[in-house]
C-alpha cells in the first residue's frame, strides 16, 4: 500500500515538473545582431511565441505593437510585418534596412495570449538589441516599457561563458527579487536537457532587481522576468490574471582562434 502511494506521489511530481518546465517566451530574433561595414544593410527579423528549448511553438497573433528604437526615438514597424510560420504555428517576419551607425532595439508587444493551463493571460514585452557599423552607444538605455530588462552587460559581442547582467524594471522602477526564467533557443534541436529541471533555469534577482547569468553554450538565450499584472482581463465572462513578462534575447558567440 505504501509503495503504491509512494509511486502515485512520484507520478504526480513528475507530471507537475513537466508542466512547470513549459516556460513561455516571446521571441524577436534578428538575422544578425552585429552589422559590420562589409555586411548587408538589411536585417530580417522573426517574431514568434514558443517554448524555445523544446522547440514547441504557440500561435502569435499580429502583435499589438512592433517598433525599433534608435537614438532614443521609436519607429513603428507594424506595417512591415508579414505572416509566417515558426515551429508549425503562426508567426511574423519583418525586414529593416540599417541606414546609419548606431544601436537599434527591436521591441514587440503582443496581443494577450490566453493560456488555459495557467488560467491566465500572457503578455511578454520582448526586445533584442542590435549594433551597426561600429557604434555601440546607448545599449543600456531604458525604453520606458511597462516592464523590461535593462542590460548592465553589453547585450552583443559576448562570448559563451561571459556573464550577462540586467536590471528587471516595472513601471520604470527596479523590481526587487524578481524571478527570471532562462532558456536556450534550441534552433537546430541538437541540445538536450539532462533532466526536465534543466529545460528552464531560474534566477532570483537581488534587492536592486539585478540578475546575472553565464551562458554555457553559443547561441541565442532568452531571459524572461515574470510578474502578475495589477489589472485583469476577461475570459468567458470572468476576470483572469495577466502574466506580464519582460523578455530580452541575447546572443553569445563561440570562441575563435586563427
Protein backbone atom coordinates (compact mmCIF):
# COMPACT_ATOMS: atom_id res chain seq x y z
CA UNK A 1 0.00 0.00 0.00
CA UNK A 2 2.76 2.40 0.97
CA UNK A 3 4.74 1.51 -2.16
CA UNK A 4 1.70 2.19 -4.34
CA UNK A 5 1.07 5.51 -2.59
CA UNK A 6 4.70 6.50 -2.97
CA UNK A 7 4.56 5.61 -6.68
CA UNK A 8 1.45 7.73 -7.10
CA UNK A 9 3.13 10.69 -5.42
CA UNK A 10 6.19 10.30 -7.67
CA UNK A 11 4.00 10.19 -10.78
CA UNK A 12 2.18 13.36 -9.71
CA UNK A 13 5.52 15.05 -9.03
CA UNK A 14 6.85 14.09 -12.46
CA UNK A 15 3.74 15.36 -14.19
CA UNK A 16 3.90 18.59 -12.20
CA UNK A 17 7.55 19.01 -13.17
CA UNK A 18 6.71 18.53 -16.83
CA UNK A 19 4.03 21.20 -16.58
CA UNK A 20 6.32 23.60 -14.71
CA UNK A 21 9.00 23.19 -17.36
CA UNK A 22 6.72 24.67 -20.03
CA UNK A 23 8.09 28.19 -19.85
CA UNK A 24 6.74 30.67 -22.40
CA UNK A 25 8.93 33.12 -24.28
CA UNK A 26 8.09 35.90 -26.69
CA UNK A 27 10.81 35.89 -29.33
CA UNK A 28 12.34 38.59 -31.55
CA UNK A 29 15.33 37.12 -33.37
CA UNK A 30 17.28 39.14 -35.98
CA UNK A 31 19.32 37.57 -38.78
CA UNK A 32 22.33 39.42 -37.37
CA UNK A 33 22.85 41.43 -34.18
CA UNK A 34 26.22 42.95 -35.09
CA UNK A 35 26.20 44.64 -38.51
CA UNK A 36 29.70 45.33 -39.80
CA UNK A 37 30.70 47.70 -42.61
CA UNK A 38 31.08 44.89 -45.14
CA UNK A 39 27.69 43.33 -44.30
CA UNK A 40 24.38 43.87 -46.00
CA UNK A 41 22.33 46.67 -44.53
CA UNK A 42 19.14 44.61 -44.43
CA UNK A 43 18.20 42.75 -41.26
CA UNK A 44 15.47 40.11 -41.25
CA UNK A 45 13.56 39.62 -38.01
CA UNK A 46 11.41 36.72 -36.87
CA UNK A 47 8.73 37.23 -34.22
CA UNK A 48 7.23 34.18 -32.53
CA UNK A 49 5.97 32.69 -29.27
CA UNK A 50 7.29 29.38 -28.01
CA UNK A 51 8.99 27.03 -25.58
CA UNK A 52 12.39 27.61 -27.24
CA UNK A 53 14.42 24.86 -25.60
CA UNK A 54 11.85 22.20 -26.51
CA UNK A 55 11.09 23.87 -29.87
CA UNK A 56 7.36 23.77 -29.19
CA UNK A 57 5.56 26.67 -30.83
CA UNK A 58 2.39 28.55 -29.95
CA UNK A 59 0.33 30.87 -32.14
CA UNK A 60 1.33 34.52 -32.17
CA UNK A 61 -1.47 36.85 -33.25
CA UNK A 62 -0.48 40.01 -35.06
CA UNK A 63 1.45 41.99 -32.42
CA UNK A 64 -0.25 44.97 -30.86
CA UNK A 65 2.98 46.93 -31.42
CA UNK A 66 6.31 46.36 -33.13
CA UNK A 67 8.92 49.09 -33.21
CA UNK A 68 12.62 49.83 -33.38
CA UNK A 69 14.33 52.34 -31.09
CA UNK A 70 17.31 54.23 -32.50
CA UNK A 71 18.98 57.29 -30.96
CA UNK A 72 16.30 57.32 -28.27
CA UNK A 73 13.42 57.55 -30.73
CA UNK A 74 10.92 54.79 -31.66
CA UNK A 75 9.89 53.98 -35.21
CA UNK A 76 6.73 51.97 -35.82
CA UNK A 77 7.40 48.81 -37.83
CA UNK A 78 3.89 47.39 -37.65
CA UNK A 79 3.32 47.78 -41.38
CA UNK A 80 6.47 45.79 -42.13
CA UNK A 81 5.09 42.64 -40.51
CA UNK A 82 4.34 39.69 -42.77
CA UNK A 83 2.67 36.39 -41.77
CA UNK A 84 4.99 33.42 -41.34
CA UNK A 85 5.16 30.01 -39.71
CA UNK A 86 7.57 29.17 -36.91
CA UNK A 87 7.57 25.81 -35.13
CA UNK A 88 4.40 24.91 -37.04
CA UNK A 89 2.47 27.90 -35.64
CA UNK A 90 1.53 31.37 -36.89
CA UNK A 91 4.33 33.90 -36.51
CA UNK A 92 5.60 37.06 -38.19
CA UNK A 93 8.61 38.36 -40.06
CA UNK A 94 9.86 41.83 -40.94
CA UNK A 95 12.82 43.37 -42.74
CA UNK A 96 14.62 46.50 -41.64
CA UNK A 97 17.26 48.48 -43.52
CA UNK A 98 20.05 49.98 -41.43
CA UNK A 99 20.89 53.45 -42.73
CA UNK A 100 23.44 54.74 -40.24
CA UNK A 101 25.69 53.62 -37.37
CA UNK A 102 24.01 53.13 -34.02
CA UNK A 103 22.33 50.80 -31.56
CA UNK A 104 18.90 49.52 -32.58
CA UNK A 105 16.45 47.96 -30.11
CA UNK A 106 13.57 45.98 -31.59
CA UNK A 107 10.52 45.72 -29.33
CA UNK A 108 7.37 43.61 -29.64
CA UNK A 109 4.22 43.99 -27.56
CA UNK A 110 1.92 41.04 -28.35
CA UNK A 111 -1.80 40.66 -28.06
CA UNK A 112 -2.75 38.98 -24.75
CA UNK A 113 -2.40 35.21 -25.11
CA UNK A 114 -4.90 33.04 -23.24
CA UNK A 115 -3.20 30.06 -21.57
CA UNK A 116 -5.76 27.54 -20.25
CA UNK A 117 -3.09 25.57 -18.37
CA UNK A 118 -2.34 28.61 -16.22
CA UNK A 119 -5.88 30.01 -16.23
CA UNK A 120 -4.34 33.36 -17.13
CA UNK A 121 -3.39 35.66 -19.97
CA UNK A 122 0.25 36.15 -21.01
CA UNK A 123 1.76 39.39 -22.32
CA UNK A 124 5.51 39.42 -22.94
CA UNK A 125 7.20 42.72 -23.79
CA UNK A 126 10.04 41.30 -25.87
CA UNK A 127 13.15 43.05 -27.12
CA UNK A 128 16.55 42.40 -28.65
CA UNK A 129 19.46 44.76 -29.25
CA UNK A 130 21.46 45.16 -32.46
CA UNK A 131 24.51 47.31 -33.19
CA UNK A 132 25.65 48.62 -36.58
CA UNK A 133 28.85 49.90 -38.17
CA UNK A 134 30.94 50.23 -35.01
CA UNK A 135 28.64 52.44 -32.95
CA UNK A 136 27.73 50.86 -29.61
CA UNK A 137 26.40 53.78 -27.56
CA UNK A 138 23.04 53.55 -25.81
CA UNK A 139 22.66 49.78 -25.37
CA UNK A 140 21.99 50.31 -21.65
CA UNK A 141 19.06 52.74 -22.10
CA UNK A 142 15.67 52.02 -20.56
CA UNK A 143 12.82 52.42 -23.03
CA UNK A 144 10.04 53.15 -20.55
CA UNK A 145 8.13 49.94 -21.23
CA UNK A 146 5.59 48.74 -18.69
CA UNK A 147 8.13 46.10 -17.77
CA UNK A 148 11.57 45.47 -19.25
CA UNK A 149 15.04 44.09 -18.64
CA UNK A 150 17.64 46.86 -18.90
CA UNK A 151 21.06 45.33 -19.68
CA UNK A 152 24.05 46.01 -17.47
CA UNK A 153 26.29 43.95 -19.75
CA UNK A 154 26.56 44.92 -23.39
CA UNK A 155 23.92 42.61 -24.95
CA UNK A 156 26.02 41.79 -28.03
CA UNK A 157 29.65 40.86 -28.60
CA UNK A 158 29.52 38.33 -25.74
CA UNK A 159 31.43 35.08 -25.72
CA UNK A 160 29.75 31.94 -24.41
CA UNK A 161 30.73 31.83 -20.75
CA UNK A 162 30.68 35.62 -20.35
CA UNK A 163 28.48 36.95 -17.58
CA UNK A 164 25.31 38.74 -18.68
CA UNK A 165 23.65 41.06 -16.17
CA UNK A 166 20.42 43.01 -16.30
CA UNK A 167 18.03 45.01 -14.14
CA UNK A 168 14.39 43.99 -14.05
CA UNK A 169 12.12 47.04 -14.10
CA UNK A 170 8.40 47.51 -13.56
CA UNK A 171 6.91 50.90 -14.40
CA UNK A 172 10.38 52.39 -14.60
CA UNK A 173 11.47 51.16 -11.17
CA UNK A 174 13.73 48.28 -10.20
CA UNK A 175 11.82 45.11 -9.29
CA UNK A 176 13.45 43.58 -6.19
CA UNK A 177 13.78 39.79 -6.07
CA UNK A 178 12.11 39.31 -9.46
CA UNK A 179 12.14 35.75 -10.80
CA UNK A 180 13.90 35.41 -14.16
CA UNK A 181 13.50 32.34 -16.37
CA UNK A 182 16.27 31.47 -18.83
CA UNK A 183 16.10 29.24 -21.91
CA UNK A 184 18.28 28.41 -24.87
CA UNK A 185 16.88 28.73 -28.39
CA UNK A 186 17.45 25.15 -29.49
CA UNK A 187 17.12 26.03 -33.17
CA UNK A 188 18.99 23.03 -34.57
CA UNK A 189 17.48 20.76 -31.88
CA UNK A 190 20.89 19.36 -31.01
CA UNK A 191 20.77 20.38 -27.35
CA UNK A 192 19.20 18.03 -24.83
CA UNK A 193 18.45 18.76 -21.20
CA UNK A 194 19.71 16.03 -18.84
CA UNK A 195 16.51 16.34 -16.80
CA UNK A 196 13.26 18.29 -17.02
CA UNK A 197 14.61 20.55 -14.28
CA UNK A 198 17.10 21.95 -16.79
CA UNK A 199 14.77 22.85 -19.63
CA UNK A 200 14.23 26.22 -17.97
CA UNK A 201 16.68 27.69 -15.49
CA UNK A 202 15.53 30.22 -12.91
CA UNK A 203 17.37 33.12 -11.31
CA UNK A 204 16.17 35.34 -8.49
CA UNK A 205 17.23 38.96 -8.85
CA UNK A 206 18.70 40.74 -5.86
CA UNK A 207 17.17 43.57 -3.84
CA UNK A 208 18.04 46.00 -6.65
CA UNK A 209 16.42 43.89 -9.37
CA UNK A 210 19.82 42.80 -10.73
CA UNK A 211 20.41 39.27 -12.01
CA UNK A 212 23.42 37.52 -13.56
CA UNK A 213 23.83 34.55 -15.88
CA UNK A 214 26.78 32.96 -17.71
CA UNK A 215 25.59 31.15 -20.84
CA UNK A 216 27.34 27.77 -21.18
CA UNK A 217 26.93 27.47 -24.96
CA UNK A 218 26.96 29.78 -28.02
CA UNK A 219 23.66 30.87 -29.49
CA UNK A 220 20.57 32.84 -28.57
CA UNK A 221 19.45 32.85 -24.94
CA UNK A 222 16.17 34.29 -23.67
CA UNK A 223 15.65 35.96 -20.29
CA UNK A 224 12.08 36.43 -19.05
CA UNK A 225 11.26 38.28 -15.83
CA UNK A 226 7.68 37.47 -14.87
CA UNK A 227 5.12 39.01 -12.55
CA UNK A 228 1.36 39.27 -12.19
CA UNK A 229 -0.17 42.48 -13.53
CA UNK A 230 -2.17 44.77 -11.29
CA UNK A 231 -5.06 44.59 -13.78
CA UNK A 232 -7.15 41.67 -15.04
CA UNK A 233 -8.63 40.72 -18.40
CA UNK A 234 -11.93 38.99 -19.11
CA UNK A 235 -12.21 35.45 -20.48
CA UNK A 236 -15.60 33.76 -20.90
CA UNK A 237 -17.17 36.44 -18.74
CA UNK A 238 -14.71 36.01 -15.86
CA UNK A 239 -11.83 38.22 -14.80
CA UNK A 240 -8.47 36.49 -15.11
CA UNK A 241 -4.93 37.27 -14.03
CA UNK A 242 -2.39 38.58 -16.54
CA UNK A 243 1.23 37.40 -16.54
CA UNK A 244 3.48 40.24 -17.66
CA UNK A 245 6.91 39.29 -18.92
CA UNK A 246 9.97 41.43 -19.54
CA UNK A 247 11.91 39.45 -22.15
CA UNK A 248 15.28 40.11 -23.72
CA UNK A 249 17.12 37.91 -26.20
CA UNK A 250 20.93 37.90 -26.14
CA UNK A 251 23.31 36.10 -28.48
CA UNK A 252 26.53 34.58 -27.17
CA UNK A 253 29.36 33.87 -29.62
CA UNK A 254 31.75 30.93 -29.89
CA UNK A 255 35.41 31.49 -29.10
CA UNK A 256 37.50 31.52 -32.29
CA UNK A 257 41.17 31.03 -32.97
CA UNK A 258 43.35 31.64 -36.03
